[in-house]
Amino acid sequence: MAAAYLAAYVAQANDPFHTTENFDGHLSGQTGVDVRFGSNLVEKYSLFFPMKPDDATFLSDPTDSCF
């Protein structure tokens, strides 16, 4: 659990929306920009996660599928 939290903080430290003074657009009146690009657009267009949970299948020997 600690490793997961640490990874999340390291990832956020490299995110432009998390490293600027105008985090989440609050200074420019564009609040919610972080959520829009971080999750809403990804969920809407499935840009990075084209698989759905029901698409997963069990692999008895994962090395057969890797190579």
PDB file of N, CA and C in Angstrom:
ATOM      1  N   MET A   1       0.824  -1.174   0.000  1.00  0.00           N
ATOM      2  CA  MET A   1       0.000   0.000   0.000  1.00  0.00           C
ATOM      3  C   MET A   1       0.877   1.249   0.000  1.00  0.00           C
ATOM      4  N   ALA A   2       1.933   1.204   0.780  1.00  0.00           N
ATOM      5  CA  ALA A   2       2.831   2.359   0.832  1.00  0.00           C
ATOM      6  C   ALA A   2       3.487   2.606  -0.523  1.00  0.00           C
ATOM      7  N   ALA A   3       3.856   1.534  -1.214  1.00  0.00           N
ATOM      8  CA  ALA A   3       4.470   1.680  -2.538  1.00  0.00           C
ATOM      9  C   ALA A   3       3.488   2.295  -3.529  1.00  0.00           C
ATOM     10  N   ALA A   4       2.223   1.925  -3.432  1.00  0.00           N
ATOM     11  CA  ALA A   4       1.207   2.490  -4.325  1.00  0.00           C
ATOM     12  C   ALA A   4       1.034   3.989  -4.076  1.00  0.00           C
ATOM     13  N   TYR A   5       0.993   4.386  -2.800  1.00  0.00           N
ATOM     14  CA  TYR A   5       0.882   5.810  -2.481  1.00  0.00           C
ATOM     15  C   TYR A   5       2.112   6.572  -2.967  1.00  0.00           C
ATOM     16  N   LEU A   6       3.282   6.008  -2.755  1.00  0.00           N
ATOM     17  CA  LEU A   6       4.511   6.658  -3.188  1.00  0.00           C
ATOM     18  C   LEU A   6       4.526   6.820  -4.710  1.00  0.00           C
ATOM     19  N   ALA A   7       4.122   5.778  -5.434  1.00  0.00           N
ATOM     20  CA  ALA A   7       4.079   5.850  -6.894  1.00  0.00           C
ATOM     21  C   ALA A   7       3.105   6.928  -7.360  1.00  0.00           C
ATOM     22  N   ALA A   8       1.987   7.054  -6.689  1.00  0.00           N
ATOM     23  CA  ALA A   8       1.011   8.082  -7.064  1.00  0.00           C
ATOM     24  C   ALA A   8       1.582   9.481  -6.857  1.00  0.00           C
ATOM     25  N   TYR A   9       2.275   9.693  -5.754  1.00  0.00           N
ATOM     26  CA  TYR A   9       2.871  11.004  -5.497  1.00  0.00           C
ATOM     27  C   TYR A   9       3.987  11.309  -6.489  1.00  0.00           C
ATOM     28  N   VAL A  10       4.792  10.328  -6.837  1.00  0.00           N
ATOM     29  CA  VAL A  10       5.856  10.542  -7.817  1.00  0.00           C
ATOM     30  C   VAL A  10       5.256  10.868  -9.177  1.00  0.00           C
ATOM     31  N   ALA A  11       4.201  10.163  -9.556  1.00  0.00           N
ATOM     32  CA  ALA A  11       3.540  10.435 -10.834  1.00  0.00           C
ATOM     33  C   ALA A  11       2.945  11.838 -10.852  1.00  0.00           C
ATOM     34  N   GLN A  12       2.325  12.241  -9.753  1.00  0.00           N
ATOM     35  CA  GLN A  12       1.722  13.573  -9.699  1.00  0.00           C
ATOM     36  C   GLN A  12       2.777  14.672  -9.729  1.00  0.00           C
ATOM     37  N   ALA A  13       3.949  14.393  -9.223  1.00  0.00           N
ATOM     38  CA  ALA A  13       5.021  15.385  -9.247  1.00  0.00           C
ATOM     39  C   ALA A  13       5.513  15.647 -10.662  1.00  0.00           C
ATOM     40  N   ASN A  14       5.206  14.750 -11.592  1.00  0.00           N
ATOM     41  CA  ASN A  14       5.605  14.913 -12.990  1.00  0.00           C
ATOM     42  C   ASN A  14       4.451  15.344 -13.880  1.00  0.00           C
ATOM     43  N   ASP A  15       3.304  15.596 -13.297  1.00  0.00           N
ATOM     44  CA  ASP A  15       2.115  15.997 -14.046  1.00  0.00           C
ATOM     45  C   ASP A  15       2.074  17.521 -14.120  1.00  0.00           C
ATOM     46  N   PRO A  16       2.017  18.104 -15.331  1.00  0.00           N
ATOM     47  CA  PRO A  16       2.002  19.572 -15.441  1.00  0.00           C
ATOM     48  C   PRO A  16       0.866  20.237 -14.668  1.00  0.00           C
ATOM     49  N   PHE A  17      -0.252  19.571 -14.545  1.00  0.00           N
ATOM     50  CA  PHE A  17      -1.362  20.168 -13.808  1.00  0.00           C
ATOM     51  C   PHE A  17      -1.096  20.194 -12.308  1.00  0.00           C
ATOM     52  N   HIS A  18      -0.134  19.416 -11.839  1.00  0.00           N
ATOM     53  CA  HIS A  18       0.154  19.355 -10.412  1.00  0.00           C
ATOM     54  C   HIS A  18       1.408  20.118 -10.024  1.00  0.00           C
ATOM     55  N   THR A  19       2.126  20.641 -11.006  1.00  0.00           N
ATOM     56  CA  THR A  19       3.398  21.298 -10.703  1.00  0.00           C
ATOM     57  C   THR A  19       3.392  22.785 -11.029  1.00  0.00           C
ATOM     58  N   THR A  20       2.238  23.346 -11.304  1.00  0.00           N
ATOM     59  CA  THR A  20       2.156  24.765 -11.614  1.00  0.00           C
ATOM     60  C   THR A  20       1.387  25.510 -10.524  1.00  0.00           C
ATOM     61  N   GLU A  21       1.543  26.806 -10.507  1.00  0.00           N
ATOM     62  CA  GLU A  21       0.824  27.622  -9.534  1.00  0.00           C
ATOM     63  C   GLU A  21      -0.678  27.630  -9.826  1.00  0.00           C
ATOM     64  N   ASN A  22      -1.027  27.450 -11.087  1.00  0.00           N
ATOM     65  CA  ASN A  22      -2.426  27.464 -11.504  1.00  0.00           C
ATOM     66  C   ASN A  22      -2.991  26.039 -11.505  1.00  0.00           C
ATOM     67  N   PHE A  23      -2.749  25.309 -10.428  1.00  0.00           N
ATOM     68  CA  PHE A  23      -3.246  23.938 -10.323  1.00  0.00           C
ATOM     69  C   PHE A  23      -4.757  23.914 -10.485  1.00  0.00           C
ATOM     70  N   ASP A  24      -5.208  23.055 -11.343  1.00  0.00           N
ATOM     71  CA  ASP A  24      -6.633  22.840 -11.600  1.00  0.00           C
ATOM     72  C   ASP A  24      -7.328  24.082 -12.163  1.00  0.00           C
ATOM     73  N   GLY A  25      -6.579  25.040 -12.681  1.00  0.00           N
ATOM     74  CA  GLY A  25      -7.161  26.201 -13.337  1.00  0.00           C
ATOM     75  C   GLY A  25      -7.848  27.190 -12.423  1.00  0.00           C
ATOM     76  N   HIS A  26      -7.591  27.138 -11.142  1.00  0.00           N
ATOM     77  CA  HIS A  26      -8.300  28.028 -10.218  1.00  0.00           C
ATOM     78  C   HIS A  26      -7.911  29.495 -10.376  1.00  0.00           C
ATOM     79  N   LEU A  27      -6.705  29.792 -10.862  1.00  0.00           N
ATOM     80  CA  LEU A  27      -6.300  31.186 -11.059  1.00  0.00           C
ATOM     81  C   LEU A  27      -6.832  31.774 -12.360  1.00  0.00           C
ATOM     82  N   SER A  28      -7.083  30.927 -13.346  1.00  0.00           N
ATOM     83  CA  SER A  28      -7.557  31.409 -14.647  1.00  0.00           C
ATOM     84  C   SER A  28      -9.055  31.198 -14.842  1.00  0.00           C
ATOM     85  N   GLY A  29      -9.736  30.739 -13.805  1.00  0.00           N
ATOM     86  CA  GLY A  29     -11.179  30.542 -13.907  1.00  0.00           C
ATOM     87  C   GLY A  29     -11.577  29.297 -14.677  1.00  0.00           C
ATOM     88  N   GLN A  30     -10.666  28.347 -14.809  1.00  0.00           N
ATOM     89  CA  GLN A  30     -10.948  27.105 -15.527  1.00  0.00           C
ATOM     90  C   GLN A  30     -10.860  25.923 -14.571  1.00  0.00           C
ATOM     91  N   THR A  31     -11.581  25.990 -13.477  1.00  0.00           N
ATOM     92  CA  THR A  31     -11.512  24.915 -12.494  1.00  0.00           C
ATOM     93  C   THR A  31     -12.042  23.621 -13.085  1.00  0.00           C
ATOM     94  N   GLY A  32     -11.449  22.531 -12.673  1.00  0.00           N
ATOM     95  CA  GLY A  32     -11.842  21.218 -13.157  1.00  0.00           C
ATOM     96  C   GLY A  32     -11.026  20.724 -14.332  1.00  0.00           C
ATOM     97  N   VAL A  33     -10.043  21.513 -14.788  1.00  0.00           N
ATOM     98  CA  VAL A  33      -9.253  21.110 -15.945  1.00  0.00           C
ATOM     99  C   VAL A  33      -8.437  19.845 -15.641  1.00  0.00           C
ATOM    100  N   ASP A  34      -7.974  19.702 -14.408  1.00  0.00           N
ATOM    101  CA  ASP A  34      -7.204  18.514 -14.036  1.00  0.00           C
ATOM    102  C   ASP A  34      -8.060  17.250 -14.134  1.00  0.00           C
ATOM    103  N   VAL A  35      -9.259  17.310 -13.627  1.00  0.00           N
ATOM    104  CA  VAL A  35     -10.154  16.152 -13.681  1.00  0.00           C
ATOM    105  C   VAL A  35     -10.553  15.853 -15.117  1.00  0.00           C
ATOM    106  N   ARG A  36     -10.769  16.900 -15.906  1.00  0.00           N
ATOM    107  CA  ARG A  36     -11.171  16.699 -17.302  1.00  0.00           C
ATOM    108  C   ARG A  36     -10.117  15.916 -18.071  1.00  0.00           C
ATOM    109  N   PHE A  37      -8.863  16.322 -17.955  1.00  0.00           N
ATOM    110  CA  PHE A  37      -7.813  15.624 -18.688  1.00  0.00           C
ATOM    111  C   PHE A  37      -7.348  14.358 -17.984  1.00  0.00           C
ATOM    112  N   GLY A  38      -7.497  14.299 -16.668  1.00  0.00           N
ATOM    113  CA  GLY A  38      -7.022  13.145 -15.920  1.00  0.00           C
ATOM    114  C   GLY A  38      -7.935  11.946 -15.957  1.00  0.00           C
ATOM    115  N   SER A  39      -9.254  12.180 -16.084  1.00  0.00           N
ATOM    116  CA  SER A  39     -10.154  11.026 -16.069  1.00  0.00           C
ATOM    117  C   SER A  39     -11.333  11.148 -17.021  1.00  0.00           C
ATOM    118  N   ASN A  40     -11.972  12.295 -17.099  1.00  0.00           N
ATOM    119  CA  ASN A  40     -13.187  12.408 -17.906  1.00  0.00           C
ATOM    120  C   ASN A  40     -12.960  12.092 -19.377  1.00  0.00           C
ATOM    121  N   LEU A  41     -11.927  12.671 -19.987  1.00  0.00           N
ATOM    122  CA  LEU A  41     -11.675  12.408 -21.404  1.00  0.00           C
ATOM    123  C   LEU A  41     -11.206  10.981 -21.639  1.00  0.00           C
ATOM    124  N   VAL A  42     -10.444  10.446 -20.702  1.00  0.00           N
ATOM    125  CA  VAL A  42      -9.982   9.060 -20.834  1.00  0.00           C
ATOM    126  C   VAL A  42     -11.171   8.111 -20.794  1.00  0.00           C
ATOM    127  N   GLU A  43     -12.081   8.327 -19.853  1.00  0.00           N
ATOM    128  CA  GLU A  43     -13.258   7.473 -19.754  1.00  0.00           C
ATOM    129  C   GLU A  43     -14.170   7.642 -20.961  1.00  0.00           C
ATOM    130  N   LYS A  44     -14.320   8.868 -21.433  1.00  0.00           N
ATOM    131  CA  LYS A  44     -15.234   9.134 -22.546  1.00  0.00           C
ATOM    132  C   LYS A  44     -14.754   8.504 -23.842  1.00  0.00           C
ATOM    133  N   TYR A  45     -13.470   8.639 -24.138  1.00  0.00           N
ATOM    134  CA  TYR A  45     -12.948   8.158 -25.416  1.00  0.00           C
ATOM    135  C   TYR A  45     -12.121   6.890 -25.308  1.00  0.00           C
ATOM    136  N   SER A  46     -11.926   6.369 -24.118  1.00  0.00           N
ATOM    137  CA  SER A  46     -11.118   5.162 -23.900  1.00  0.00           C
ATOM    138  C   SER A  46      -9.786   5.260 -24.628  1.00  0.00           C
ATOM    139  N   LEU A  47      -9.116   6.401 -24.464  1.00  0.00           N
ATOM    140  CA  LEU A  47      -7.859   6.625 -25.170  1.00  0.00           C
ATOM    141  C   LEU A  47      -6.761   5.665 -24.741  1.00  0.00           C
ATOM    142  N   PHE A  48      -6.670   5.422 -23.456  1.00  0.00           N
ATOM    143  CA  PHE A  48      -5.563   4.626 -22.953  1.00  0.00           C
ATOM    144  C   PHE A  48      -6.008   3.276 -22.413  1.00  0.00           C
ATOM    145  N   PHE A  49      -7.296   3.105 -22.205  1.00  0.00           N
ATOM    146  CA  PHE A  49      -7.802   1.871 -21.626  1.00  0.00           C
ATOM    147  C   PHE A  49      -8.916   1.295 -22.490  1.00  0.00           C
ATOM    148  N   PRO A  50      -8.562   0.753 -23.660  1.00  0.00           N
ATOM    149  CA  PRO A  50      -9.625   0.259 -24.549  1.00  0.00           C
ATOM    150  C   PRO A  50     -10.319  -0.995 -24.026  1.00  0.00           C
ATOM    151  N   MET A  51      -9.748  -1.647 -23.027  1.00  0.00           N
ATOM    152  CA  MET A  51     -10.351  -2.875 -22.511  1.00  0.00           C
ATOM    153  C   MET A  51     -11.364  -2.551 -21.432  1.00  0.00           C
ATOM    154  N   LYS A  52     -12.377  -3.350 -21.364  1.00  0.00           N
ATOM    155  CA  LYS A  52     -13.375  -3.267 -20.306  1.00  0.00           C
ATOM    156  C   LYS A  52     -13.143  -4.440 -19.360  1.00  0.00           C
ATOM    157  N   PRO A  53     -13.614  -4.371 -18.127  1.00  0.00           N
ATOM    158  CA  PRO A  53     -13.375  -5.468 -17.181  1.00  0.00           C
ATOM    159  C   PRO A  53     -13.838  -6.835 -17.677  1.00  0.00           C
ATOM    160  N   ASP A  54     -14.903  -6.877 -18.466  1.00  0.00           N
ATOM    161  CA  ASP A  54     -15.399  -8.167 -18.955  1.00  0.00           C
ATOM    162  C   ASP A  54     -14.518  -8.759 -20.062  1.00  0.00           C
ATOM    163  N   ASP A  55     -13.606  -7.967 -20.616  1.00  0.00           N
ATOM    164  CA  ASP A  55     -12.725  -8.452 -21.674  1.00  0.00           C
ATOM    165  C   ASP A  55     -11.588  -9.324 -21.144  1.00  0.00           C
ATOM    166  N   ALA A  56     -11.350  -9.298 -19.856  1.00  0.00           N
ATOM    167  CA  ALA A  56     -10.234 -10.046 -19.273  1.00  0.00           C
ATOM    168  C   ALA A  56     -10.517 -11.551 -19.318  1.00  0.00           C
ATOM    169  N   THR A  57      -9.473 -12.311 -19.554  1.00  0.00           N
ATOM    170  CA  THR A  57      -9.582 -13.774 -19.553  1.00  0.00           C
ATOM    171  C   THR A  57      -8.485 -14.342 -18.670  1.00  0.00           C
ATOM    172  N   PHE A  58      -8.727 -15.529 -18.145  1.00  0.00           N
ATOM    173  CA  PHE A  58      -7.753 -16.193 -17.290  1.00  0.00           C
ATOM    174  C   PHE A  58      -6.688 -16.860 -18.148  1.00  0.00           C
ATOM    175  N   LEU A  59      -5.421 -16.679 -17.779  1.00  0.00           N
ATOM    176  CA  LEU A  59      -4.308 -17.334 -18.463  1.00  0.00           C
ATOM    177  C   LEU A  59      -3.671 -18.310 -17.498  1.00  0.00           C
ATOM    178  N   SER A  60      -3.713 -19.573 -17.840  1.00  0.00           N
ATOM    179  CA  SER A  60      -3.126 -20.561 -16.958  1.00  0.00           C
ATOM    180  C   SER A  60      -1.596 -20.465 -16.943  1.00  0.00           C
ATOM    181  N   ASP A  61      -0.998 -20.116 -18.099  1.00  0.00           N
ATOM    182  CA  ASP A  61       0.450 -19.934 -18.177  1.00  0.00           C
ATOM    183  C   ASP A  61       0.738 -18.621 -18.899  1.00  0.00           C
ATOM    184  N   PRO A  62       0.922 -17.526 -18.186  1.00  0.00           N
ATOM    185  CA  PRO A  62       1.114 -16.218 -18.819  1.00  0.00           C
ATOM    186  C   PRO A  62       2.326 -16.142 -19.735  1.00  0.00           C
ATOM    187  N   THR A  63       3.338 -16.952 -19.498  1.00  0.00           N
ATOM    188  CA  THR A  63       4.528 -16.871 -20.357  1.00  0.00           C
ATOM    189  C   THR A  63       4.225 -17.309 -21.788  1.00  0.00           C
ATOM    190  N   ASP A  64       3.243 -18.170 -21.977  1.00  0.00           N
ATOM    191  CA  ASP A  64       2.853 -18.555 -23.333  1.00  0.00           C
ATOM    192  C   ASP A  64       2.286 -17.356 -24.104  1.00  0.00           C
ATOM    193  N   SER A  65       1.621 -16.467 -23.415  1.00  0.00           N
ATOM    194  CA  SER A  65       1.026 -15.298 -24.062  1.00  0.00           C
ATOM    195  C   SER A  65       2.020 -14.157 -24.241  1.00  0.00           C
ATOM    196  N   CYS A  66       3.064 -14.134 -23.444  1.00  0.00           N
ATOM    197  CA  CYS A  66       4.040 -13.044 -23.493  1.00  0.00           C
ATOM    198  C   CYS A  66       4.969 -13.162 -24.689  1.00  0.00           C
ATOM    199  N   PHE A  67       5.396 -14.348 -24.972  1.00  0.00           N
ATOM    200  CA  PHE A  67       6.464 -14.503 -25.949  1.00  0.00           C
ATOM    201  C   PHE A  67       5.936 -15.007 -27.232  1.00  0.00           C
TER     202      PHE A  67
END
